[in-house]
Amino acid sequence: MKKTLVIGATTNPERYAYMAVNSLLEKEHPVVAIGKKIDELKGVKIQVKQIPFKNIHTVTLYINPVAQRDYYNYIIGLKPKRVIFNPGTANPEFYALLGINNIKVEEACTLVLLSTNQY
C-alpha cells in the first residue's frame, strides 16, 4: 500500500480531492491530508499545517501552481517516491525541482489511476 498525502483536501463531496481521499481509502491506501481548514473526512484528519509526515510514498496535488510554491520545500523534504499532478495542477517549474531531487513526476488523474489499478 502506498501512503499518500493529499494536498488540497476538502470535505466538499463535489471536489475531486474529496473523491480521491475516498478512493484511496477504498483501495486501502493509508491517507494523510492537508487542506484550507481543519476538518475530518472518513477518519482522515485534514491538517492546515505542513506536518512532517513519515514514509510518504505519493503526494497528490489538488492546488494550483501558484499555491504550490508554498509547498516546494515541504514536499521535497518529505522525500516521496512521486508527486501526481492532477488536471489543472501542471507546473513545469516544480517538475524541474522534483527531478533534481530524484522524485518522479506524474501528470495524471489519481482517480483514473485508482480505478484502472495503475496506482
N, C-alpha and C. Protein backbone atom coordinates (compact mmCIF):
# COMPACT_ATOMS: atom_id res chain seq x y z
N MET A 1 0.83 -1.18 0.00
CA MET A 1 0.00 0.00 0.00
C MET A 1 0.88 1.25 0.00
N LYS A 2 0.41 2.26 -0.68
CA LYS A 2 1.21 3.47 -0.87
C LYS A 2 0.64 4.62 -0.04
N LYS A 3 1.34 4.95 1.05
CA LYS A 3 0.89 6.05 1.90
C LYS A 3 0.89 7.32 1.06
N THR A 4 -0.25 8.00 1.06
CA THR A 4 -0.46 9.14 0.17
C THR A 4 -0.84 10.39 0.95
N LEU A 5 -0.20 11.49 0.58
CA LEU A 5 -0.56 12.81 1.10
C LEU A 5 -1.38 13.53 0.04
N VAL A 6 -2.60 13.89 0.40
CA VAL A 6 -3.47 14.65 -0.49
C VAL A 6 -3.37 16.12 -0.07
N ILE A 7 -2.87 16.96 -0.98
CA ILE A 7 -2.78 18.39 -0.70
C ILE A 7 -3.90 19.09 -1.48
N GLY A 8 -4.74 19.79 -0.72
CA GLY A 8 -5.93 20.42 -1.29
C GLY A 8 -7.18 19.67 -0.85
N ALA A 9 -7.04 18.86 0.21
CA ALA A 9 -8.15 18.05 0.70
C ALA A 9 -9.30 18.93 1.19
N THR A 10 -10.50 18.38 1.07
CA THR A 10 -11.71 19.10 1.44
C THR A 10 -12.81 18.11 1.82
N THR A 11 -13.80 18.59 2.55
CA THR A 11 -14.96 17.76 2.86
C THR A 11 -16.12 18.03 1.90
N ASN A 12 -15.87 18.82 0.86
CA ASN A 12 -16.89 19.11 -0.15
C ASN A 12 -16.96 17.93 -1.13
N PRO A 13 -18.06 17.17 -1.09
CA PRO A 13 -18.15 15.97 -1.92
C PRO A 13 -18.15 16.23 -3.43
N GLU A 14 -18.27 17.49 -3.84
CA GLU A 14 -18.24 17.80 -5.27
C GLU A 14 -16.82 18.02 -5.79
N ARG A 15 -15.83 18.03 -4.90
CA ARG A 15 -14.45 18.29 -5.29
C ARG A 15 -13.70 16.97 -5.56
N TYR A 16 -12.79 17.02 -6.52
CA TYR A 16 -12.03 15.82 -6.86
C TYR A 16 -11.11 15.38 -5.72
N ALA A 17 -10.62 16.31 -4.93
CA ALA A 17 -9.77 15.94 -3.80
C ALA A 17 -10.55 15.09 -2.80
N TYR A 18 -11.81 15.42 -2.60
CA TYR A 18 -12.68 14.62 -1.73
C TYR A 18 -12.82 13.20 -2.28
N MET A 19 -13.11 13.12 -3.58
CA MET A 19 -13.27 11.82 -4.22
C MET A 19 -11.98 11.00 -4.16
N ALA A 20 -10.85 11.69 -4.27
CA ALA A 20 -9.56 10.99 -4.22
C ALA A 20 -9.32 10.37 -2.85
N VAL A 21 -9.59 11.12 -1.79
CA VAL A 21 -9.43 10.57 -0.44
C VAL A 21 -10.30 9.33 -0.29
N ASN A 22 -11.55 9.41 -0.71
CA ASN A 22 -12.45 8.26 -0.63
C ASN A 22 -11.94 7.07 -1.42
N SER A 23 -11.49 7.31 -2.64
CA SER A 23 -11.00 6.22 -3.48
C SER A 23 -9.73 5.59 -2.91
N LEU A 24 -8.84 6.42 -2.39
CA LEU A 24 -7.62 5.89 -1.76
C LEU A 24 -7.98 5.00 -0.58
N LEU A 25 -8.91 5.44 0.24
CA LEU A 25 -9.33 4.65 1.39
C LEU A 25 -9.99 3.33 0.95
N GLU A 26 -10.82 3.41 -0.08
CA GLU A 26 -11.48 2.20 -0.60
C GLU A 26 -10.46 1.18 -1.08
N LYS A 27 -9.35 1.68 -1.65
CA LYS A 27 -8.29 0.78 -2.15
C LYS A 27 -7.29 0.45 -1.04
N GLU A 28 -7.60 0.89 0.19
CA GLU A 28 -6.82 0.58 1.39
C GLU A 28 -5.43 1.20 1.43
N HIS A 29 -5.27 2.34 0.78
CA HIS A 29 -4.02 3.09 0.89
C HIS A 29 -4.11 3.98 2.12
N PRO A 30 -3.07 4.03 2.95
CA PRO A 30 -3.08 4.97 4.08
C PRO A 30 -3.08 6.40 3.53
N VAL A 31 -3.89 7.28 4.14
CA VAL A 31 -4.03 8.64 3.64
C VAL A 31 -3.81 9.65 4.76
N VAL A 32 -3.05 10.70 4.44
CA VAL A 32 -2.95 11.89 5.26
C VAL A 32 -3.32 13.06 4.36
N ALA A 33 -3.73 14.17 4.98
CA ALA A 33 -4.29 15.23 4.15
C ALA A 33 -4.00 16.62 4.71
N ILE A 34 -3.83 17.56 3.77
CA ILE A 34 -3.68 18.98 4.09
C ILE A 34 -4.72 19.73 3.27
N GLY A 35 -5.40 20.67 3.92
CA GLY A 35 -6.40 21.48 3.25
C GLY A 35 -6.39 22.89 3.80
N LYS A 36 -7.42 23.66 3.45
CA LYS A 36 -7.52 25.06 3.88
C LYS A 36 -8.04 25.19 5.30
N LYS A 37 -8.80 24.17 5.77
CA LYS A 37 -9.32 24.25 7.13
C LYS A 37 -9.26 22.88 7.80
N ILE A 38 -9.09 22.91 9.12
CA ILE A 38 -9.05 21.67 9.89
C ILE A 38 -10.42 21.02 9.82
N ASP A 39 -10.42 19.75 9.49
CA ASP A 39 -11.67 19.02 9.36
C ASP A 39 -11.35 17.53 9.41
N GLU A 40 -12.33 16.72 9.13
CA GLU A 40 -12.12 15.27 9.08
C GLU A 40 -12.97 14.67 7.99
N LEU A 41 -12.38 13.74 7.28
CA LEU A 41 -13.07 13.08 6.17
C LEU A 41 -12.86 11.58 6.30
N LYS A 42 -13.91 10.87 6.66
CA LYS A 42 -13.86 9.40 6.80
C LYS A 42 -12.70 8.95 7.69
N GLY A 43 -12.50 9.66 8.79
CA GLY A 43 -11.45 9.29 9.73
C GLY A 43 -10.09 9.90 9.43
N VAL A 44 -9.96 10.56 8.29
CA VAL A 44 -8.70 11.22 7.93
C VAL A 44 -8.77 12.66 8.41
N LYS A 45 -7.83 13.04 9.28
CA LYS A 45 -7.80 14.41 9.76
C LYS A 45 -7.18 15.30 8.69
N ILE A 46 -7.89 16.34 8.31
CA ILE A 46 -7.36 17.32 7.36
C ILE A 46 -6.61 18.37 8.17
N GLN A 47 -5.32 18.45 7.93
CA GLN A 47 -4.45 19.40 8.62
C GLN A 47 -4.36 20.69 7.81
N VAL A 48 -3.96 21.77 8.46
CA VAL A 48 -3.74 23.02 7.73
C VAL A 48 -2.25 23.38 7.71
N LYS A 49 -1.46 22.72 8.53
CA LYS A 49 -0.02 22.99 8.60
C LYS A 49 0.75 21.92 7.85
N GLN A 50 1.97 22.26 7.50
CA GLN A 50 2.84 21.34 6.79
C GLN A 50 3.49 20.39 7.81
N ILE A 51 2.75 19.36 8.15
CA ILE A 51 3.18 18.36 9.13
C ILE A 51 4.29 17.50 8.52
N PRO A 52 5.35 17.20 9.26
CA PRO A 52 6.43 16.36 8.72
C PRO A 52 6.05 14.87 8.75
N PHE A 53 5.08 14.50 7.92
CA PHE A 53 4.64 13.11 7.85
C PHE A 53 5.81 12.21 7.46
N LYS A 54 5.77 10.98 7.94
CA LYS A 54 6.82 9.99 7.65
C LYS A 54 6.32 8.99 6.61
N ASN A 55 7.27 8.45 5.85
CA ASN A 55 7.01 7.35 4.90
C ASN A 55 5.94 7.66 3.87
N ILE A 56 5.96 8.87 3.34
CA ILE A 56 5.03 9.23 2.26
C ILE A 56 5.56 8.65 0.95
N HIS A 57 4.75 7.84 0.30
CA HIS A 57 5.12 7.29 -1.00
C HIS A 57 4.73 8.25 -2.12
N THR A 58 3.49 8.78 -2.03
CA THR A 58 2.95 9.61 -3.09
C THR A 58 2.32 10.87 -2.52
N VAL A 59 2.59 11.99 -3.19
CA VAL A 59 1.88 13.24 -2.90
C VAL A 59 1.01 13.48 -4.12
N THR A 60 -0.28 13.71 -3.90
CA THR A 60 -1.18 14.03 -5.00
C THR A 60 -1.72 15.44 -4.79
N LEU A 61 -1.56 16.26 -5.81
CA LEU A 61 -1.86 17.69 -5.70
C LEU A 61 -3.21 18.07 -6.29
N TYR A 62 -3.94 18.86 -5.50
CA TYR A 62 -5.21 19.44 -5.93
C TYR A 62 -5.21 20.94 -5.66
N ILE A 63 -4.05 21.56 -5.85
CA ILE A 63 -3.92 23.01 -5.69
C ILE A 63 -3.22 23.56 -6.93
N ASN A 64 -3.50 24.82 -7.25
CA ASN A 64 -2.97 25.40 -8.48
C ASN A 64 -1.46 25.68 -8.35
N PRO A 65 -0.79 25.88 -9.49
CA PRO A 65 0.66 26.08 -9.48
C PRO A 65 1.14 27.23 -8.60
N VAL A 66 0.40 28.31 -8.52
CA VAL A 66 0.82 29.44 -7.67
C VAL A 66 0.81 29.01 -6.19
N ALA A 67 -0.23 28.34 -5.77
CA ALA A 67 -0.32 27.86 -4.38
C ALA A 67 0.74 26.80 -4.09
N GLN A 68 1.14 26.06 -5.11
CA GLN A 68 2.14 25.01 -4.91
C GLN A 68 3.48 25.56 -4.43
N ARG A 69 3.80 26.80 -4.80
CA ARG A 69 5.10 27.38 -4.42
C ARG A 69 5.34 27.31 -2.92
N ASP A 70 4.29 27.47 -2.12
CA ASP A 70 4.42 27.40 -0.67
C ASP A 70 4.76 25.99 -0.18
N TYR A 71 4.65 25.02 -1.07
CA TYR A 71 4.86 23.62 -0.69
C TYR A 71 6.12 22.99 -1.28
N TYR A 72 6.84 23.71 -2.13
CA TYR A 72 8.01 23.12 -2.80
C TYR A 72 8.97 22.46 -1.81
N ASN A 73 9.50 23.24 -0.87
CA ASN A 73 10.49 22.70 0.06
C ASN A 73 9.90 21.63 0.97
N TYR A 74 8.66 21.83 1.36
CA TYR A 74 7.98 20.85 2.22
C TYR A 74 7.88 19.50 1.52
N ILE A 75 7.37 19.49 0.30
CA ILE A 75 7.19 18.22 -0.42
C ILE A 75 8.54 17.57 -0.69
N ILE A 76 9.51 18.33 -1.13
CA ILE A 76 10.83 17.76 -1.39
C ILE A 76 11.40 17.17 -0.10
N GLY A 77 11.18 17.85 1.03
CA GLY A 77 11.67 17.37 2.32
C GLY A 77 11.01 16.08 2.78
N LEU A 78 9.80 15.80 2.31
CA LEU A 78 9.12 14.55 2.67
C LEU A 78 9.74 13.35 1.95
N LYS A 79 10.47 13.62 0.88
CA LYS A 79 11.12 12.59 0.07
C LYS A 79 10.16 11.52 -0.44
N PRO A 80 9.06 11.95 -1.07
CA PRO A 80 8.15 10.93 -1.62
C PRO A 80 8.79 10.28 -2.85
N LYS A 81 8.24 9.14 -3.25
CA LYS A 81 8.71 8.49 -4.47
C LYS A 81 8.20 9.23 -5.71
N ARG A 82 6.98 9.81 -5.57
CA ARG A 82 6.41 10.51 -6.72
C ARG A 82 5.43 11.59 -6.26
N VAL A 83 5.19 12.54 -7.18
CA VAL A 83 4.18 13.57 -6.99
C VAL A 83 3.26 13.50 -8.21
N ILE A 84 1.97 13.37 -7.93
CA ILE A 84 0.98 13.32 -9.01
C ILE A 84 0.39 14.71 -9.18
N PHE A 85 0.47 15.21 -10.40
CA PHE A 85 -0.13 16.49 -10.77
C PHE A 85 -1.44 16.19 -11.48
N ASN A 86 -2.54 16.37 -10.76
CA ASN A 86 -3.87 16.12 -11.31
C ASN A 86 -4.21 17.21 -12.32
N PRO A 87 -5.23 16.99 -13.16
CA PRO A 87 -5.61 18.01 -14.14
C PRO A 87 -5.80 19.38 -13.49
N GLY A 88 -5.19 20.39 -14.11
CA GLY A 88 -5.27 21.75 -13.59
C GLY A 88 -4.14 22.14 -12.65
N THR A 89 -3.23 21.19 -12.38
CA THR A 89 -2.14 21.48 -11.45
C THR A 89 -0.76 21.44 -12.11
N ALA A 90 -0.71 21.32 -13.42
CA ALA A 90 0.56 21.23 -14.15
C ALA A 90 1.49 22.39 -13.76
N ASN A 91 2.78 22.06 -13.54
CA ASN A 91 3.72 23.06 -13.05
C ASN A 91 5.16 22.70 -13.44
N PRO A 92 5.59 23.05 -14.66
CA PRO A 92 6.93 22.71 -15.12
C PRO A 92 8.05 23.19 -14.19
N GLU A 93 7.87 24.33 -13.54
CA GLU A 93 8.88 24.82 -12.60
C GLU A 93 9.08 23.81 -11.47
N PHE A 94 8.00 23.30 -10.93
CA PHE A 94 8.09 22.33 -9.83
C PHE A 94 8.60 20.98 -10.35
N TYR A 95 8.22 20.60 -11.58
CA TYR A 95 8.72 19.35 -12.16
C TYR A 95 10.25 19.33 -12.12
N ALA A 96 10.85 20.46 -12.50
CA ALA A 96 12.31 20.55 -12.55
C ALA A 96 12.91 20.35 -11.16
N LEU A 97 12.35 21.01 -10.16
CA LEU A 97 12.85 20.87 -8.79
C LEU A 97 12.72 19.44 -8.28
N LEU A 98 11.61 18.82 -8.59
CA LEU A 98 11.41 17.44 -8.17
C LEU A 98 12.41 16.51 -8.86
N GLY A 99 12.61 16.74 -10.15
CA GLY A 99 13.57 15.92 -10.90
C GLY A 99 14.97 15.99 -10.33
N ILE A 100 15.40 17.19 -9.98
CA ILE A 100 16.73 17.38 -9.37
C ILE A 100 16.85 16.57 -8.09
N ASN A 101 15.74 16.38 -7.40
CA ASN A 101 15.72 15.66 -6.13
C ASN A 101 15.30 14.19 -6.28
N ASN A 102 15.36 13.70 -7.52
CA ASN A 102 15.05 12.30 -7.82
C ASN A 102 13.65 11.87 -7.36
N ILE A 103 12.69 12.77 -7.52
CA ILE A 103 11.30 12.46 -7.21
C ILE A 103 10.54 12.41 -8.53
N LYS A 104 9.86 11.30 -8.76
CA LYS A 104 9.14 11.09 -10.01
C LYS A 104 7.96 12.05 -10.13
N VAL A 105 7.80 12.61 -11.31
CA VAL A 105 6.67 13.49 -11.63
C VAL A 105 5.70 12.71 -12.49
N GLU A 106 4.44 12.77 -12.13
CA GLU A 106 3.42 12.08 -12.91
C GLU A 106 2.26 13.03 -13.17
N GLU A 107 2.04 13.35 -14.44
CA GLU A 107 0.86 14.13 -14.84
C GLU A 107 -0.24 13.12 -15.07
N ALA A 108 -1.17 13.06 -14.14
CA ALA A 108 -2.21 12.04 -14.23
C ALA A 108 -3.38 12.43 -13.34
N CYS A 109 -4.42 11.63 -13.42
CA CYS A 109 -5.58 11.81 -12.54
C CYS A 109 -5.56 10.66 -11.53
N THR A 110 -5.43 11.01 -10.27
CA THR A 110 -5.39 10.00 -9.22
C THR A 110 -6.60 9.08 -9.30
N LEU A 111 -7.78 9.66 -9.56
CA LEU A 111 -9.00 8.85 -9.63
C LEU A 111 -8.93 7.82 -10.75
N VAL A 112 -8.39 8.22 -11.89
CA VAL A 112 -8.27 7.29 -13.02
C VAL A 112 -7.24 6.21 -12.69
N LEU A 113 -6.11 6.60 -12.12
CA LEU A 113 -5.09 5.62 -11.75
C LEU A 113 -5.65 4.57 -10.80
N LEU A 114 -6.42 5.03 -9.81
CA LEU A 114 -7.00 4.10 -8.85
C LEU A 114 -8.05 3.19 -9.50
N SER A 115 -8.90 3.77 -10.34
CA SER A 115 -9.99 2.99 -10.93
C SER A 115 -9.50 1.98 -11.96
N THR A 116 -8.31 2.21 -12.51
CA THR A 116 -7.76 1.28 -13.51
C THR A 116 -6.62 0.43 -12.94
N ASN A 117 -6.49 0.45 -11.62
CA ASN A 117 -5.45 -0.33 -10.92
C ASN A 117 -4.04 -0.03 -11.41
N GLN A 118 -3.77 1.25 -11.72
CA GLN A 118 -2.43 1.66 -12.14
C GLN A 118 -1.75 2.51 -11.08
N TYR A 119 -2.39 2.65 -9.93
CA TYR A 119 -1.86 3.49 -8.87
C TYR A 119 -0.60 2.88 -8.27
